[in-house]
Amino acid sequence: MNDSTQPKRILSGITPSSSKGLHLGNYLGAVKPHIDFQDQGECFYFIADYHALNTVQTPQEFSHNTYETYLDYLALGLDLTKTTFYVESHVPVIFELTEILNNVINVGQMMRMHAFKDKLVDPNADIGTVNMGLFTYPILMAADILAFDVDIVPVGEDQSQHVEVARDIAQAFNRKYGQIVKVPQLYIKKEVARVIGTDGVRKMGKSLGNDITVLADPETITKQIMSIATDPARIKKDDPGDPSKNVIFKYLELMSFDAAKLADYEARYRAGTIGDVELKREFADFFIEYFREARERRSELAKDPAVIIQMMQHNAAKANEVANSVMNRVRQSIGAIYL
């Protein structure tokens, strides 16, 4: 395992579940914290492509989403001189470890997972139709983590239960076989763990259509921003409004918009001297400029797919070196005989 004098090892991943590209919630809740962590330890970040099989049904979409997510991360500032950035399926021992970990957790624990329980909210739901990939998702996630001797796992609030399960599995495995796998620590950045979507109600998500795609063209971004739900009590543009009922103010805060200007917008909104359309246009201009350099970097990166594949191969080799070492230790601990 890692020596205590070594930098903390940090691991996190993202599931490439949509072909639309990363949205503002992904950026604020995952990408930006990942980039910020690059200077705080030894970072291993990955694209959890096999996790996406729960929802992605065609091979074309599966490969497209993985490749495009890799591009987005690089464009948004991930530094491969500081970080090992790999694709989950490029590290085969993760799936061997998943099978081993299946034997230290029970069905009852899996049935308490919120992703599984959410599928059964409808009283007419049939438990027999639940995808096994969804049911065992936390075990694969545990293998993603435990294969790398991780110290810290920064995740969104909605994934915290799964990291707790990974900790439980690690502890159960160690009770049975000795101190073999490292028990990770959970880290949640509360203020950005849950980003509300443009509907002002639900968590931002591509499948809900309440997202803002960060690296889309300006026209698409503007259209998405103009659809943002605002304070329903405002009938006319000069009616007083409540900033807490317009998510634009929260987005501006999370994107580190100028504090004095933000306070001025809030005061004008309460006084009814700035309309929703004007505010949306101001936000659209800010948003487009905020991600302008990233869009330009992405355009350049997309010109040479062969270079991106080489990056994937190089980072896969680095990831496999670590994971194979951990897996050899696990195999020895369970008494596996390898020729």
Protein backbone atom coordinates (compact mmCIF):
# COMPACT_ATOMS: atom_id res chain seq x y z
CA MET A 1 0.00 0.00 0.00
CA ASN A 2 1.01 3.65 -0.25
CA ASP A 3 3.59 4.88 2.23
CA SER A 4 2.15 7.48 4.62
CA THR A 5 4.78 9.97 3.48
CA GLN A 6 3.53 9.84 -0.12
CA PRO A 7 1.02 12.39 -1.51
CA LYS A 8 -2.61 11.47 -1.02
CA ARG A 9 -4.04 9.46 -3.89
CA ILE A 10 -7.31 10.90 -5.17
CA LEU A 11 -9.73 9.05 -7.46
CA SER A 12 -13.00 10.00 -9.10
CA GLY A 13 -14.90 9.15 -12.24
CA ILE A 14 -17.71 10.27 -14.50
CA THR A 15 -20.22 8.16 -16.44
CA PRO A 16 -20.52 9.02 -20.15
CA SER A 17 -24.27 8.51 -20.31
CA SER A 18 -25.19 11.12 -22.92
CA SER A 19 -24.07 12.14 -26.39
CA LYS A 20 -24.89 15.80 -25.68
CA GLY A 21 -21.61 16.51 -23.89
CA LEU A 22 -20.86 17.67 -20.35
CA HIS A 23 -23.31 20.14 -18.83
CA LEU A 24 -22.93 22.85 -16.20
CA GLY A 25 -23.81 20.45 -13.39
CA ASN A 26 -21.08 18.05 -14.55
CA TYR A 27 -18.59 20.90 -14.71
CA LEU A 28 -19.37 22.42 -11.31
CA GLY A 29 -19.99 19.14 -9.53
CA ALA A 30 -17.23 17.03 -11.04
CA VAL A 31 -14.85 18.55 -13.60
CA LYS A 32 -13.95 21.75 -11.73
CA PRO A 33 -13.37 19.95 -8.38
CA HIS A 34 -11.29 17.36 -10.24
CA ILE A 35 -9.12 20.06 -11.78
CA ASP A 36 -8.79 21.86 -8.43
CA PHE A 37 -7.63 18.60 -6.80
CA GLN A 38 -4.80 18.14 -9.32
CA ASP A 39 -2.44 20.17 -7.14
CA GLN A 40 -3.47 18.46 -3.90
CA GLY A 41 -2.35 14.91 -4.50
CA GLU A 42 -1.76 12.06 -6.93
CA CYS A 43 -4.91 12.03 -9.05
CA PHE A 44 -6.50 9.13 -10.90
CA TYR A 45 -9.60 10.13 -12.85
CA PHE A 46 -11.53 7.84 -15.15
CA ILE A 47 -14.45 7.61 -17.54
CA ALA A 48 -16.76 4.92 -16.17
CA ASP A 49 -17.84 3.58 -19.54
CA TYR A 50 -19.13 0.19 -18.34
CA HIS A 51 -21.37 1.94 -15.83
CA ALA A 52 -23.04 3.64 -18.81
CA LEU A 53 -24.27 0.31 -20.16
CA ASN A 54 -27.31 0.74 -17.88
CA THR A 55 -28.63 3.41 -20.20
CA VAL A 56 -26.55 3.44 -23.41
CA GLN A 57 -27.87 0.80 -25.78
CA THR A 58 -25.90 1.09 -29.04
CA PRO A 59 -22.17 0.48 -29.66
CA GLN A 60 -21.91 3.69 -31.68
CA GLU A 61 -23.25 5.80 -28.82
CA PHE A 62 -21.15 3.90 -26.27
CA SER A 63 -17.84 4.67 -28.00
CA HIS A 64 -18.90 8.18 -29.04
CA ASN A 65 -19.83 9.21 -25.50
CA THR A 66 -16.57 7.91 -24.04
CA TYR A 67 -14.40 9.64 -26.63
CA GLU A 68 -16.30 12.94 -26.44
CA THR A 69 -16.17 12.99 -22.63
CA TYR A 70 -12.41 12.45 -22.78
CA LEU A 71 -12.11 15.42 -25.15
CA ASP A 72 -14.32 17.61 -22.94
CA TYR A 73 -12.19 16.94 -19.86
CA LEU A 74 -8.97 17.78 -21.66
CA ALA A 75 -10.50 20.95 -23.10
CA LEU A 76 -11.77 22.05 -19.69
CA GLY A 77 -8.31 21.96 -18.16
CA LEU A 78 -7.36 18.45 -17.06
CA ASP A 79 -3.56 18.29 -17.03
CA LEU A 80 -2.12 14.92 -18.02
CA THR A 81 1.26 15.85 -16.55
CA LYS A 82 -0.41 15.87 -13.13
CA THR A 83 -3.20 13.33 -13.56
CA THR A 84 -3.68 9.78 -14.80
CA PHE A 85 -6.88 9.98 -16.87
CA TYR A 86 -8.05 6.62 -18.17
CA VAL A 87 -11.09 4.72 -19.40
CA GLU A 88 -12.53 2.13 -17.01
CA SER A 89 -12.73 -0.65 -19.62
CA HIS A 90 -9.03 -0.21 -20.38
CA VAL A 91 -8.20 -1.63 -16.92
CA PRO A 92 -9.40 -5.29 -17.08
CA VAL A 93 -8.54 -6.24 -13.49
CA ILE A 94 -11.29 -3.90 -12.26
CA PHE A 95 -13.80 -6.47 -13.47
CA GLU A 96 -11.93 -9.38 -11.93
CA LEU A 97 -11.93 -7.50 -8.64
CA THR A 98 -15.67 -6.86 -9.03
CA GLU A 99 -16.32 -10.62 -9.08
CA ILE A 100 -14.25 -11.11 -5.93
CA LEU A 101 -16.03 -8.28 -4.13
CA ASN A 102 -19.41 -9.77 -5.07
CA ASN A 103 -18.65 -12.34 -2.41
CA VAL A 104 -18.27 -9.93 0.52
CA ILE A 105 -21.61 -8.12 0.21
CA ASN A 106 -25.18 -9.39 0.35
CA VAL A 107 -28.41 -8.81 -1.56
CA GLY A 108 -29.98 -6.95 1.36
CA GLN A 109 -27.28 -4.29 1.22
CA MET A 110 -27.75 -3.88 -2.52
CA MET A 111 -31.52 -3.51 -2.13
CA ARG A 112 -30.97 -0.51 0.15
CA MET A 113 -29.12 1.43 -2.55
CA HIS A 114 -31.00 4.55 -3.61
CA ALA A 115 -30.52 3.92 -7.36
CA PHE A 116 -32.24 0.55 -6.96
CA LYS A 117 -34.96 1.87 -4.64
CA ASP A 118 -35.71 4.72 -7.04
CA LYS A 119 -36.66 2.13 -9.67
CA LEU A 120 -39.29 0.74 -7.32
CA VAL A 121 -40.99 4.00 -6.30
CA ASP A 122 -43.86 3.24 -8.66
CA PRO A 123 -46.15 0.77 -6.83
CA ASN A 124 -46.63 -1.06 -10.13
CA ALA A 125 -42.90 -1.50 -10.67
CA ASP A 126 -41.69 -5.06 -11.20
CA ILE A 127 -38.51 -5.92 -9.32
CA GLY A 128 -37.87 -8.62 -11.88
CA THR A 129 -37.28 -6.04 -14.60
CA VAL A 130 -34.49 -4.18 -12.79
CA ASN A 131 -31.25 -4.32 -14.78
CA MET A 132 -28.55 -6.31 -12.96
CA GLY A 133 -26.02 -3.69 -14.00
CA LEU A 134 -27.98 -1.12 -12.03
CA PHE A 135 -28.45 -3.50 -9.10
CA THR A 136 -24.72 -4.29 -8.81
CA TYR A 137 -23.53 -0.79 -9.80
CA PRO A 138 -22.12 -0.10 -6.29
CA ILE A 139 -19.96 -3.24 -6.43
CA LEU A 140 -18.36 -2.23 -9.72
CA MET A 141 -17.89 1.26 -8.27
CA ALA A 142 -16.19 -0.28 -5.23
CA ALA A 143 -13.82 -2.16 -7.54
CA ASP A 144 -13.12 1.07 -9.46
CA ILE A 145 -11.97 2.58 -6.17
CA LEU A 146 -10.31 -0.29 -4.34
CA ALA A 147 -8.17 -1.28 -7.34
CA PHE A 148 -6.11 1.88 -6.86
CA ASP A 149 -5.27 2.08 -3.13
CA VAL A 150 -7.20 5.33 -2.96
CA ASP A 151 -6.99 7.77 -0.04
CA ILE A 152 -9.73 10.25 -1.04
CA VAL A 153 -12.81 9.95 -3.28
CA PRO A 154 -14.43 13.31 -4.14
CA VAL A 155 -17.99 12.73 -5.40
CA GLY A 156 -21.33 14.42 -5.76
CA GLU A 157 -23.82 14.03 -2.94
CA ASP A 158 -25.88 11.57 -4.99
CA GLN A 159 -22.92 9.16 -5.14
CA SER A 160 -21.92 9.36 -1.48
CA GLN A 161 -23.90 6.24 -0.55
CA HIS A 162 -21.94 4.21 -3.10
CA VAL A 163 -18.60 5.34 -1.67
CA GLU A 164 -19.83 4.38 1.79
CA VAL A 165 -20.61 0.93 0.38
CA ALA A 166 -17.09 0.77 -1.07
CA ARG A 167 -15.76 1.51 2.41
CA ASP A 168 -18.00 -1.20 3.90
CA ILE A 169 -16.82 -3.71 1.29
CA ALA A 170 -13.16 -2.84 1.91
CA GLN A 171 -13.58 -3.27 5.65
CA ALA A 172 -15.43 -6.58 5.20
CA PHE A 173 -12.71 -7.85 2.85
CA ASN A 174 -9.96 -6.86 5.27
CA ARG A 175 -11.72 -8.54 8.20
CA LYS A 176 -11.71 -11.75 6.20
CA TYR A 177 -8.28 -11.64 4.57
CA GLY A 178 -6.18 -9.13 6.51
CA GLN A 179 -5.24 -5.51 5.77
CA ILE A 180 -5.17 -5.96 2.01
CA VAL A 181 -7.17 -3.10 0.45
CA LYS A 182 -7.13 0.54 1.47
CA VAL A 183 -10.33 1.98 2.99
CA PRO A 184 -10.97 5.29 1.18
CA GLN A 185 -12.19 8.57 2.66
CA LEU A 186 -15.22 10.32 1.20
CA TYR A 187 -15.09 14.01 0.21
CA ILE A 188 -18.14 16.07 -0.84
CA LYS A 189 -17.90 19.70 -1.84
CA LYS A 190 -21.29 20.65 -0.45
CA GLU A 191 -21.91 23.91 -2.27
CA VAL A 192 -21.66 22.31 -5.72
CA ALA A 193 -22.63 18.73 -4.96
CA ARG A 194 -26.14 19.25 -6.35
CA VAL A 195 -26.69 21.73 -9.20
CA ILE A 196 -30.35 22.49 -9.94
CA GLY A 197 -31.38 22.37 -13.59
CA THR A 198 -32.89 25.05 -15.78
CA ASP A 199 -36.37 24.01 -14.63
CA GLY A 200 -35.45 25.36 -11.19
CA VAL A 201 -36.66 22.18 -9.48
CA ARG A 202 -34.77 19.00 -10.30
CA LYS A 203 -31.07 18.21 -10.37
CA MET A 204 -29.55 19.15 -13.72
CA GLY A 205 -29.51 16.19 -16.08
CA LYS A 206 -29.22 15.58 -19.80
CA SER A 207 -32.09 13.08 -19.84
CA LEU A 208 -34.37 15.64 -18.17
CA GLY A 209 -33.61 18.30 -20.76
CA ASN A 210 -32.90 20.86 -18.02
CA ASP A 211 -29.17 21.21 -18.71
CA ILE A 212 -26.79 23.74 -20.24
CA THR A 213 -24.11 22.09 -22.38
CA VAL A 214 -20.86 23.84 -21.51
CA LEU A 215 -18.95 23.31 -24.78
CA ALA A 216 -21.84 23.55 -27.23
CA ASP A 217 -21.94 26.28 -29.84
CA PRO A 218 -23.06 29.74 -28.61
CA GLU A 219 -26.42 29.45 -30.36
CA THR A 220 -27.28 26.21 -28.54
CA ILE A 221 -26.09 27.60 -25.22
CA THR A 222 -28.16 30.76 -25.64
CA LYS A 223 -31.26 28.71 -26.48
CA GLN A 224 -30.81 26.58 -23.36
CA ILE A 225 -30.28 29.63 -21.14
CA MET A 226 -33.31 31.43 -22.55
CA SER A 227 -35.43 28.43 -21.47
CA ILE A 228 -34.49 28.82 -17.79
CA ALA A 229 -37.52 28.92 -15.48
CA THR A 230 -37.70 32.12 -13.42
CA ASP A 231 -39.77 33.51 -10.53
CA PRO A 232 -43.37 32.58 -11.51
CA ALA A 233 -44.71 35.57 -9.55
CA ARG A 234 -43.18 37.95 -12.10
CA ILE A 235 -45.87 38.65 -14.69
CA LYS A 236 -44.31 41.80 -16.15
CA LYS A 237 -40.62 42.58 -16.48
CA ASP A 238 -40.87 45.42 -13.94
CA ASP A 239 -42.55 43.28 -11.28
CA PRO A 240 -40.39 42.72 -8.17
CA GLY A 241 -38.75 39.28 -8.18
CA ASP A 242 -37.18 36.83 -5.76
CA PRO A 243 -33.57 35.91 -6.73
CA SER A 244 -33.88 32.61 -4.85
CA LYS A 245 -36.54 31.56 -7.39
CA ASN A 246 -34.29 32.18 -10.38
CA VAL A 247 -31.42 29.67 -10.71
CA ILE A 248 -29.37 32.09 -12.80
CA PHE A 249 -28.27 33.80 -9.59
CA LYS A 250 -27.04 30.49 -8.18
CA TYR A 251 -25.21 29.67 -11.41
CA LEU A 252 -23.49 33.06 -11.36
CA GLU A 253 -22.42 32.52 -7.76
CA LEU A 254 -21.05 29.04 -8.45
CA MET A 255 -19.19 30.30 -11.51
CA SER A 256 -17.46 33.00 -9.39
CA PHE A 257 -19.16 35.90 -11.13
CA ASP A 258 -18.11 39.36 -9.94
CA ALA A 259 -19.60 39.66 -6.42
CA ALA A 260 -20.41 43.37 -6.69
CA LYS A 261 -22.18 42.94 -10.02
CA LEU A 262 -24.08 39.94 -8.70
CA ALA A 263 -25.28 41.93 -5.69
CA ASP A 264 -26.38 44.71 -8.05
CA TYR A 265 -28.33 42.25 -10.23
CA GLU A 266 -30.03 40.80 -7.15
CA ALA A 267 -31.02 44.27 -5.89
CA ARG A 268 -32.36 45.24 -9.31
CA TYR A 269 -34.26 41.96 -9.57
CA ARG A 270 -35.95 42.58 -6.23
CA ALA A 271 -36.79 46.13 -7.31
CA GLY A 272 -38.11 45.04 -10.70
CA THR A 273 -35.61 47.14 -12.66
CA ILE A 274 -34.09 44.21 -14.58
CA GLY A 275 -36.25 41.82 -16.56
CA ASP A 276 -35.78 38.08 -16.88
CA VAL A 277 -34.93 38.29 -20.58
CA GLU A 278 -32.26 40.93 -19.95
CA LEU A 279 -30.81 38.85 -17.11
CA LYS A 280 -30.74 35.73 -19.28
CA ARG A 281 -28.91 37.59 -22.03
CA GLU A 282 -26.37 38.91 -19.55
CA PHE A 283 -25.84 35.38 -18.23
CA ALA A 284 -25.57 33.93 -21.74
CA ASP A 285 -22.84 36.44 -22.65
CA PHE A 286 -20.96 35.64 -19.44
CA PHE A 287 -21.39 31.87 -19.91
CA ILE A 288 -20.19 31.87 -23.52
CA GLU A 289 -17.11 33.92 -22.64
CA TYR A 290 -16.43 31.81 -19.50
CA PHE A 291 -15.99 28.67 -21.62
CA ARG A 292 -14.61 30.33 -24.78
CA GLU A 293 -11.00 29.15 -24.33
CA ALA A 294 -12.17 25.62 -23.51
CA ARG A 295 -14.29 25.51 -26.69
CA GLU A 296 -11.27 26.65 -28.71
CA ARG A 297 -9.02 24.01 -27.09
CA ARG A 298 -11.59 21.35 -27.80
CA SER A 299 -11.78 22.35 -31.44
CA GLU A 300 -8.01 21.94 -31.73
CA LEU A 301 -7.95 18.61 -29.90
CA ALA A 302 -10.70 17.22 -32.12
CA LYS A 303 -8.58 17.72 -35.22
CA ASP A 304 -6.33 14.72 -34.45
CA PRO A 305 -8.18 11.69 -33.02
CA ALA A 306 -5.01 9.57 -33.25
CA VAL A 307 -3.34 11.78 -30.65
CA ILE A 308 -6.30 11.35 -28.29
CA ILE A 309 -6.12 7.55 -28.67
CA GLN A 310 -2.39 7.70 -27.87
CA MET A 311 -3.19 9.69 -24.73
CA MET A 312 -5.73 7.03 -23.74
CA GLN A 313 -3.19 4.26 -24.32
CA HIS A 314 -0.47 5.99 -22.31
CA ASN A 315 -2.78 6.67 -19.37
CA ALA A 316 -4.23 3.16 -19.51
CA ALA A 317 -0.70 1.76 -19.12
CA LYS A 318 -0.12 3.93 -16.04
CA ALA A 319 -3.46 2.93 -14.53
CA ASN A 320 -2.89 -0.78 -15.22
CA GLU A 321 0.49 -0.71 -13.52
CA VAL A 322 -1.13 0.42 -10.26
CA ALA A 323 -4.26 -1.73 -10.50
CA ASN A 324 -2.31 -4.88 -11.42
CA SER A 325 -0.13 -4.45 -8.34
CA VAL A 326 -3.20 -4.18 -6.10
CA MET A 327 -4.84 -7.13 -7.85
CA ASN A 328 -1.81 -9.36 -7.33
CA ARG A 329 -2.04 -8.61 -3.61
CA VAL A 330 -5.75 -9.45 -3.60
CA ARG A 331 -5.20 -12.72 -5.49
CA GLN A 332 -2.55 -13.83 -3.02
CA SER A 333 -4.77 -12.95 -0.08
CA ILE A 334 -7.68 -15.13 -1.26
CA GLY A 335 -5.40 -18.06 -2.12
CA ALA A 336 -5.82 -17.94 -5.89
CA ILE A 337 -3.37 -20.10 -7.83
CA TYR A 338 -2.07 -18.38 -10.95
CA LEU A 339 0.20 -20.08 -13.46
